[in-house]
C-alpha cells in the first residue's frame, strides 16, 4: 500500500468513526427520554459475540437496550444505527449512484408505468418540466396559477419531510404562503416538484384523513429474488399533512402474511404506546387495503434498481384500490422499534455479505 493509499485509508476510518460517534450520541440522548430496561451481562456478552462472529467486530449495545426498552422484545439481531449508517448501507448499495436515482424529479423516467402522484411541474437542476417536456419559467408559472390542492416538496434526498407543503393557488398567488408562485419557486430554488394531492384509499384515510398515510416496505435483493423484510404503516397526526416522524407521525408493524396491523403504534421516545390513531381508529387487526398488491409492486420495482440491494419504499393505495409508489429511499431509517430486528432471518446472511464488501462511500469499484 502506497503512502497516499495509507493516508486515504486512515481518513476513511476516521470518517467512519465520526459517523458512528454521532449516532451513538443520538441514541444516548434518546435513552434519556424514556424508562430503560437493563440488559443482563449475559445478554450484553451474547450481543457482542454475535456481531463478532457474523460482522467481524463487536458493537455497542445501546441500541439493543433502547429497542428492548421501547417494545419489550429482546434480540441479538437488532442492527445498531451506527454501523448501519457508516458501513452496512454503503456495502449493500452503491453510494455513487444515489443522487440521480433518489431525485424525485427522475421518477417519471425510472418508473414511467408505475402509479404515482401526478406531476404538475418539476424543477430538475434549475430546469422546468412537466412529466416529460421542458418548460419555460413562464409556462411553469402558468400551469400552477390556479390549483385547488397540490403538494410542493424538495426532490433530493435528506429532506425527512421538510419543505413538504399543501398549497392552493389563485391567479398566480399562493395565499397560504402570502407570496406569488414565482416567489415560491425562488424559495425552493432548484430541485423541487409540485404534484396533485394524492387521493388515498378510504381504508388508508380512516387512519388519519388529513395526511397521506404510507407503508414503509423494506425490500432486500438476493440475486433475482426479492425478499420483503418488513412493512410498517406510517400514520400522520391530526391536522398534519405528512406522516413523517419529524411531524410527529406514528408507526405500527404490519403482518406480512395477512396485511393487518399488529398491536400498537409507536411515536417518539417520550410518548406512550398508542392503541388507536388520533382520530380513534383501533390499530390492532386493522386491515391495510390491497396490501399484497403493494408488496408485489415493490418486488417488481426492486428488480429495476440493480445498484441498490436494500431499499425502503414509501407506498400507498389510491382511491381505486391500486398500489402507488410515493418515493424510495436508498438509506431508509430502520423501523426496529415498531417491527423488531430489521433483517430478521436474513441478519446473519446480510452481515456476512457486507463484512467482505467494499464500502462504496469511499471507493469507486463495483460491489
Protein backbone atom coordinates (compact mmCIF):
# COMPACT_ATOMS: atom_id res chain seq x y z
CA UNK A 1 0.00 0.00 0.00
CA UNK A 2 1.41 3.38 -1.04
CA UNK A 3 1.70 6.36 1.32
CA UNK A 4 -1.20 8.04 -0.49
CA UNK A 5 -3.38 4.95 -0.08
CA UNK A 6 -2.47 4.69 3.61
CA UNK A 7 -3.48 8.32 4.19
CA UNK A 8 -6.77 7.77 2.34
CA UNK A 9 -7.47 4.65 4.39
CA UNK A 10 -6.80 6.48 7.65
CA UNK A 11 -9.09 9.35 6.62
CA UNK A 12 -11.83 6.89 5.68
CA UNK A 13 -11.53 5.12 9.03
CA UNK A 14 -11.69 8.46 10.79
CA UNK A 15 -14.88 9.40 8.93
CA UNK A 16 -16.49 6.07 9.80
CA UNK A 17 -15.65 6.55 13.47
CA UNK A 18 -17.10 10.07 13.37
CA UNK A 19 -20.37 8.82 11.86
CA UNK A 20 -20.59 6.09 14.48
CA UNK A 21 -19.85 8.59 17.25
CA UNK A 22 -22.62 10.90 16.03
CA UNK A 23 -25.19 8.12 16.05
CA UNK A 24 -24.06 6.95 19.47
CA UNK A 25 -24.64 10.45 20.84
CA UNK A 26 -28.12 10.42 19.30
CA UNK A 27 -29.11 7.11 20.86
CA UNK A 28 -27.71 8.08 24.26
CA UNK A 29 -29.91 11.18 24.11
CA UNK A 30 -32.97 9.09 23.20
CA UNK A 31 -32.26 6.74 26.10
CA UNK A 32 -32.71 9.66 28.48
CA UNK A 33 -36.26 10.30 27.24
CA UNK A 34 -37.93 7.06 28.36
CA UNK A 35 -37.50 4.39 31.07
CA UNK A 36 -34.71 1.93 30.29
CA UNK A 37 -34.73 -1.80 30.95
CA UNK A 38 -31.26 -3.08 31.83
CA UNK A 39 -29.61 -5.79 29.78
CA UNK A 40 -28.08 -8.63 31.73
CA UNK A 41 -24.32 -9.21 31.49
CA UNK A 42 -25.14 -12.41 29.64
CA UNK A 43 -27.25 -10.57 27.08
CA UNK A 44 -24.54 -7.98 26.51
CA UNK A 45 -21.96 -10.73 26.06
CA UNK A 46 -24.22 -12.57 23.60
CA UNK A 47 -24.75 -9.42 21.50
CA UNK A 48 -21.02 -8.74 21.29
CA UNK A 49 -20.24 -12.36 20.45
CA UNK A 50 -22.99 -12.44 17.79
CA UNK A 51 -21.62 -9.42 15.93
CA UNK A 52 -18.02 -10.53 16.40
CA UNK A 53 -18.88 -13.81 14.72
CA UNK A 54 -21.05 -12.53 11.86
CA UNK A 55 -19.78 -8.99 11.30
CA UNK A 56 -16.18 -9.34 12.42
CA UNK A 57 -16.30 -6.85 15.30
CA UNK A 58 -18.17 -6.11 18.50
CA UNK A 59 -20.75 -3.32 18.60
CA UNK A 60 -22.10 -1.07 21.36
CA UNK A 61 -25.24 -2.47 22.99
CA UNK A 62 -27.02 0.90 23.36
CA UNK A 63 -29.42 0.19 20.53
CA UNK A 64 -30.33 -3.26 21.81
CA UNK A 65 -31.15 -1.85 25.24
CA UNK A 66 -33.10 1.10 23.81
CA UNK A 67 -35.18 -1.03 21.43
CA UNK A 68 -35.81 -3.67 24.09
CA UNK A 69 -36.97 -0.91 26.44
CA UNK A 70 -39.30 0.59 23.85
CA UNK A 71 -41.02 -2.53 22.54
CA UNK A 72 -40.27 -5.19 25.17
CA UNK A 73 -38.63 -7.55 22.65
CA UNK A 74 -35.02 -8.60 23.28
CA UNK A 75 -32.95 -9.85 20.36
CA UNK A 76 -29.27 -10.12 19.48
CA UNK A 77 -30.21 -9.28 15.87
CA UNK A 78 -31.04 -5.61 16.27
CA UNK A 79 -28.88 -3.54 13.91
CA UNK A 80 -27.14 -0.57 15.57
CA UNK A 81 -27.77 2.63 13.60
CA UNK A 82 -24.08 3.48 13.90
CA UNK A 83 -22.86 0.55 11.80
CA UNK A 84 -25.92 0.61 9.53
CA UNK A 85 -25.28 4.23 8.51
CA UNK A 86 -21.48 4.02 8.36
CA UNK A 87 -20.91 0.55 6.95
CA UNK A 88 -23.86 -1.69 6.07
CA UNK A 89 -25.86 0.50 3.73
CA UNK A 90 -22.76 1.53 1.74
CA UNK A 91 -21.76 -2.09 1.27
CA UNK A 92 -25.21 -3.19 0.11
CA UNK A 93 -25.94 -0.12 -2.06
CA UNK A 94 -23.68 1.71 -4.49
CA UNK A 95 -23.26 5.16 -2.97
CA UNK A 96 -22.03 6.95 -6.10
CA UNK A 97 -25.33 6.46 -7.94
CA UNK A 98 -27.60 7.76 -5.19
CA UNK A 99 -28.13 11.40 -6.25
CA UNK A 100 -29.65 10.81 -9.68
CA UNK A 101 -31.64 7.77 -8.61
CA UNK A 102 -33.20 9.28 -5.50
CA UNK A 103 -34.08 12.60 -7.17
CA UNK A 104 -37.89 12.57 -7.25
CA UNK A 105 -37.69 14.59 -10.43
CA UNK A 106 -36.41 11.44 -12.17
CA UNK A 107 -39.21 9.12 -11.04
CA UNK A 108 -41.05 9.77 -14.32
CA UNK A 109 -38.01 8.32 -16.10
CA UNK A 110 -37.24 5.46 -13.70
CA UNK A 111 -40.85 4.37 -13.16
CA UNK A 112 -42.89 5.63 -16.15
CA UNK A 113 -45.50 2.87 -15.86
CA UNK A 114 -45.85 2.94 -12.05
CA UNK A 115 -48.85 4.55 -10.35
CA UNK A 116 -47.61 7.70 -8.57
CA UNK A 117 -48.96 11.13 -7.61
CA UNK A 118 -49.46 13.10 -10.85
CA UNK A 119 -46.77 15.68 -11.60
CA UNK A 120 -47.92 19.23 -12.41
CA UNK A 121 -44.42 20.70 -12.82
CA UNK A 122 -40.96 19.85 -11.57
CA UNK A 123 -37.64 21.64 -11.35
CA UNK A 124 -34.57 19.48 -12.01
CA UNK A 125 -31.25 21.25 -11.54
CA UNK A 126 -32.88 24.61 -12.34
CA UNK A 127 -34.78 23.39 -15.44
CA UNK A 128 -38.57 23.16 -15.51
CA UNK A 129 -40.56 20.22 -16.87
CA UNK A 130 -43.96 18.61 -16.77
CA UNK A 131 -43.89 14.78 -16.84
CA UNK A 132 -41.74 14.70 -19.96
CA UNK A 133 -41.47 18.09 -21.66
CA UNK A 134 -39.17 21.02 -20.95
CA UNK A 135 -40.99 24.19 -19.89
CA UNK A 136 -40.05 27.82 -19.66
CA UNK A 137 -40.36 29.58 -16.31
CA UNK A 138 -43.43 31.38 -17.64
CA UNK A 139 -45.07 28.11 -18.71
CA UNK A 140 -44.35 26.54 -15.31
CA UNK A 141 -45.92 29.53 -13.53
CA UNK A 142 -48.97 29.39 -15.80
CA UNK A 143 -49.54 25.67 -15.07
CA UNK A 144 -49.51 26.42 -11.35
CA UNK A 145 -51.59 29.61 -11.45
CA UNK A 146 -54.88 28.10 -10.24
CA UNK A 147 -54.53 24.88 -8.27
CA UNK A 148 -57.21 23.61 -5.94
CA UNK A 149 -54.93 21.33 -3.88
CA UNK A 150 -51.34 20.41 -4.62
CA UNK A 151 -48.23 19.31 -2.78
CA UNK A 152 -44.87 21.01 -3.20
CA UNK A 153 -41.72 19.32 -1.90
CA UNK A 154 -37.95 19.18 -2.43
CA UNK A 155 -36.84 16.32 -4.66
CA UNK A 156 -33.35 15.46 -3.41
CA UNK A 157 -32.60 13.06 -0.56
CA UNK A 158 -32.32 14.02 3.08
CA UNK A 159 -35.43 16.19 3.47
CA UNK A 160 -37.24 13.94 6.04
CA UNK A 161 -40.50 15.67 5.25
CA UNK A 162 -39.02 19.16 5.49
CA UNK A 163 -40.43 21.57 2.93
CA UNK A 164 -43.47 19.42 2.13
CA UNK A 165 -46.45 21.76 1.96
CA UNK A 166 -50.09 21.63 0.88
CA UNK A 167 -50.78 24.62 -1.33
CA UNK A 168 -53.67 26.28 -3.18
CA UNK A 169 -53.11 28.95 -5.77
CA UNK A 170 -55.32 31.70 -7.17
CA UNK A 171 -54.41 33.89 -10.14
CA UNK A 172 -50.70 33.30 -9.71
CA UNK A 173 -50.68 33.80 -5.94
CA UNK A 174 -50.20 31.38 -3.03
CA UNK A 175 -52.46 32.74 -0.24
CA UNK A 176 -51.20 30.38 2.49
CA UNK A 177 -47.60 31.50 1.89
CA UNK A 178 -48.56 35.11 1.19
CA UNK A 179 -46.46 35.20 -1.97
CA UNK A 180 -46.58 34.77 -5.73
CA UNK A 181 -45.88 31.47 -7.45
CA UNK A 182 -42.64 32.89 -8.80
CA UNK A 183 -41.54 33.87 -5.28
CA UNK A 184 -42.42 30.37 -4.07
CA UNK A 185 -40.25 28.93 -6.83
CA UNK A 186 -37.40 31.19 -5.72
CA UNK A 187 -37.81 29.98 -2.14
CA UNK A 188 -37.41 26.36 -3.23
CA UNK A 189 -34.57 27.40 -5.60
CA UNK A 190 -33.96 24.25 -7.69
CA UNK A 191 -34.84 20.56 -7.44
CA UNK A 192 -38.47 20.54 -6.32
CA UNK A 193 -41.75 19.12 -7.57
CA UNK A 194 -45.41 20.12 -7.47
CA UNK A 195 -47.90 17.27 -7.65
CA UNK A 196 -51.63 16.84 -7.47
CA UNK A 197 -52.69 15.85 -3.98
CA UNK A 198 -52.85 12.05 -3.90
CA UNK A 199 -56.31 10.64 -3.30
CA UNK A 200 -55.72 7.71 -0.99
CA UNK A 201 -57.96 4.71 -0.44
CA UNK A 202 -60.71 5.08 2.13
CA UNK A 203 -59.07 2.35 4.19
CA UNK A 204 -55.86 4.40 4.39
CA UNK A 205 -57.70 7.67 5.02
CA UNK A 206 -59.55 6.26 8.04
CA UNK A 207 -56.24 6.07 9.87
CA UNK A 208 -55.90 9.86 9.58
CA UNK A 209 -57.75 11.81 6.88
CA UNK A 210 -55.53 14.91 6.71
CA UNK A 211 -52.26 13.10 5.95
CA UNK A 212 -51.09 10.78 3.22
CA UNK A 213 -50.52 7.62 5.27
CA UNK A 214 -47.88 5.33 3.81
CA UNK A 215 -46.42 1.88 4.14
CA UNK A 216 -42.66 1.78 4.63
CA UNK A 217 -41.73 -1.50 2.96
CA UNK A 218 -38.13 -2.71 3.31
CA UNK A 219 -37.01 -4.97 0.48
CA UNK A 220 -33.78 -6.94 0.12
CA UNK A 221 -32.47 -8.34 -3.17
CA UNK A 222 -30.82 -11.77 -3.16
CA UNK A 223 -29.76 -12.45 -6.74
CA UNK A 224 -33.00 -12.29 -8.72
CA UNK A 225 -35.12 -12.93 -5.64
CA UNK A 226 -36.62 -10.01 -3.72
CA UNK A 227 -37.44 -10.57 -0.06
CA UNK A 228 -39.75 -8.29 1.90
CA UNK A 229 -38.06 -7.86 5.26
CA UNK A 230 -40.90 -5.95 6.89
CA UNK A 231 -43.65 -3.39 6.41
CA UNK A 232 -44.76 -0.74 8.87
CA UNK A 233 -47.63 1.69 8.49
CA UNK A 234 -46.74 5.35 9.00
CA UNK A 235 -49.67 7.47 10.12
CA UNK A 236 -49.89 11.24 10.39
CA UNK A 237 -51.20 13.12 13.39
CA UNK A 238 -54.47 15.02 13.45
CA UNK A 239 -54.45 18.01 11.05
CA UNK A 240 -50.96 17.17 9.79
CA UNK A 241 -50.32 16.76 6.04
CA UNK A 242 -47.38 14.34 6.26
CA UNK A 243 -46.85 11.10 8.17
CA UNK A 244 -43.14 11.72 8.73
CA UNK A 245 -41.71 11.32 12.24
CA UNK A 246 -40.46 14.92 12.12
CA UNK A 247 -44.12 15.97 12.09
CA UNK A 248 -44.95 13.65 14.98
CA UNK A 249 -46.04 10.72 12.83
CA UNK A 250 -46.52 7.28 14.39
CA UNK A 251 -45.60 3.77 13.19
CA UNK A 252 -47.05 0.31 13.65
CA UNK A 253 -45.94 -3.09 12.39
CA UNK A 254 -47.93 -4.90 9.69
CA UNK A 255 -48.18 -8.68 9.45
CA UNK A 256 -46.73 -9.69 6.08
CA UNK A 257 -48.98 -12.72 5.76
CA UNK A 258 -52.32 -11.00 6.41
CA UNK A 259 -51.73 -7.30 5.85
CA UNK A 260 -53.19 -6.50 9.26
CA UNK A 261 -51.67 -4.07 11.76
CA UNK A 262 -50.09 -5.80 14.75
CA UNK A 263 -50.51 -4.40 18.25
CA UNK A 264 -49.96 -0.71 18.89
CA UNK A 265 -48.25 2.29 17.31
CA UNK A 266 -45.07 3.98 18.47
CA UNK A 267 -44.40 7.70 18.46
CA UNK A 268 -41.31 9.43 19.78
CA UNK A 269 -39.42 8.20 22.82
CA UNK A 270 -41.46 10.36 25.22
CA UNK A 271 -44.85 9.10 24.05
CA UNK A 272 -46.80 6.16 25.43
CA UNK A 273 -47.81 3.25 23.23
CA UNK A 274 -50.87 4.06 21.12
CA UNK A 275 -53.66 1.50 20.59
CA UNK A 276 -55.57 3.98 18.40
CA UNK A 277 -54.78 6.80 15.99
CA UNK A 278 -55.52 10.43 16.83
CA UNK A 279 -58.93 10.07 15.16
CA UNK A 280 -59.79 7.00 17.25
CA UNK A 281 -59.20 4.19 14.75
CA UNK A 282 -58.24 0.97 16.57
CA UNK A 283 -54.94 -0.30 15.19
CA UNK A 284 -54.61 -3.95 16.22
CA UNK A 285 -56.08 -6.11 13.48
CA UNK A 286 -56.77 -3.20 11.13
CA UNK A 287 -56.66 -4.43 7.54
CA UNK A 288 -54.43 -2.49 5.15
CA UNK A 289 -56.24 -2.40 1.78
CA UNK A 290 -54.67 -4.17 -1.21
CA UNK A 291 -51.62 -4.99 0.90
CA UNK A 292 -50.25 -7.87 -1.16
CA UNK A 293 -50.61 -5.86 -4.38
CA UNK A 294 -48.33 -3.30 -2.74
CA UNK A 295 -45.74 -5.97 -1.93
CA UNK A 296 -45.87 -7.37 -5.47
CA UNK A 297 -45.25 -3.90 -6.90
CA UNK A 298 -42.29 -3.37 -4.55
CA UNK A 299 -40.71 -6.63 -5.74
CA UNK A 300 -41.13 -5.54 -9.36
CA UNK A 301 -39.56 -2.13 -8.75
CA UNK A 302 -36.66 -3.51 -6.71
CA UNK A 303 -35.51 -5.57 -9.71
CA UNK A 304 -35.27 -2.34 -11.73
CA UNK A 305 -32.66 -0.96 -9.32
CA UNK A 306 -29.51 -3.07 -9.84
CA UNK A 307 -27.22 -0.75 -7.84
CA UNK A 308 -29.32 -0.96 -4.67
CA UNK A 309 -29.85 -4.22 -2.80
CA UNK A 310 -31.65 -2.78 0.25
CA UNK A 311 -34.42 -0.26 -0.34
CA UNK A 312 -37.06 1.38 1.83
CA UNK A 313 -40.19 2.10 -0.22
CA UNK A 314 -42.92 4.57 0.78
CA UNK A 315 -46.09 3.10 -0.67
CA UNK A 316 -49.79 3.87 -0.56
CA UNK A 317 -53.06 2.76 -2.17
CA UNK A 318 -55.16 5.05 -4.34
CA UNK A 319 -58.92 5.60 -4.19
CA UNK A 320 -59.48 2.86 -6.79
CA UNK A 321 -57.52 0.24 -4.85
CA UNK A 322 -54.34 0.42 -6.92
CA UNK A 323 -50.93 0.39 -5.18
CA UNK A 324 -48.88 3.54 -5.65
CA UNK A 325 -45.23 4.42 -5.14
CA UNK A 326 -44.66 7.71 -3.30
CA UNK A 327 -40.87 7.55 -3.01
CA UNK A 328 -37.95 5.23 -2.41
CA UNK A 329 -35.03 5.54 -0.01
CA UNK A 330 -31.50 4.26 -0.58
CA UNK A 331 -30.69 4.52 3.17
CA UNK A 332 -34.06 4.18 4.85
CA UNK A 333 -34.18 4.52 8.61
CA UNK A 334 -34.70 1.09 10.17
CA UNK A 335 -38.12 0.69 11.83
CA UNK A 336 -36.91 -1.57 14.63
CA UNK A 337 -38.96 -0.01 17.43
CA UNK A 338 -42.19 -0.89 15.64
CA UNK A 339 -41.12 -4.08 13.86
CA UNK A 340 -38.22 -5.64 15.77
CA UNK A 341 -34.89 -6.74 14.21
CA UNK A 342 -34.80 -5.17 10.75
CA UNK A 343 -33.20 -8.03 8.84
CA UNK A 344 -34.94 -10.87 10.69
CA UNK A 345 -33.94 -14.32 9.49
CA UNK A 346 -31.56 -12.75 6.96
CA UNK A 347 -29.45 -10.95 9.57
CA UNK A 348 -26.55 -13.38 9.56
CA UNK A 349 -26.54 -13.55 5.76
CA UNK A 350 -26.50 -9.76 5.34
CA UNK A 351 -23.83 -9.21 7.99
CA UNK A 352 -21.63 -11.88 6.41
CA UNK A 353 -22.04 -10.33 2.95
CA UNK A 354 -21.24 -6.76 3.97
CA UNK A 355 -18.25 -7.87 6.04
CA UNK A 356 -16.48 -8.78 2.81
CA UNK A 357 -17.63 -5.95 0.55
CA UNK A 358 -16.15 -2.56 -0.32
CA UNK A 359 -17.55 0.46 1.48
CA UNK A 360 -18.73 2.47 -1.55
CA UNK A 361 -18.89 5.66 0.48
CA UNK A 362 -15.18 5.89 -0.31
CA UNK A 363 -14.49 3.57 -3.23
CA UNK A 364 -15.48 3.67 -6.89
CA UNK A 365 -15.02 -0.04 -7.52
CA UNK A 366 -18.05 -2.27 -8.23
CA UNK A 367 -19.86 -4.03 -5.40
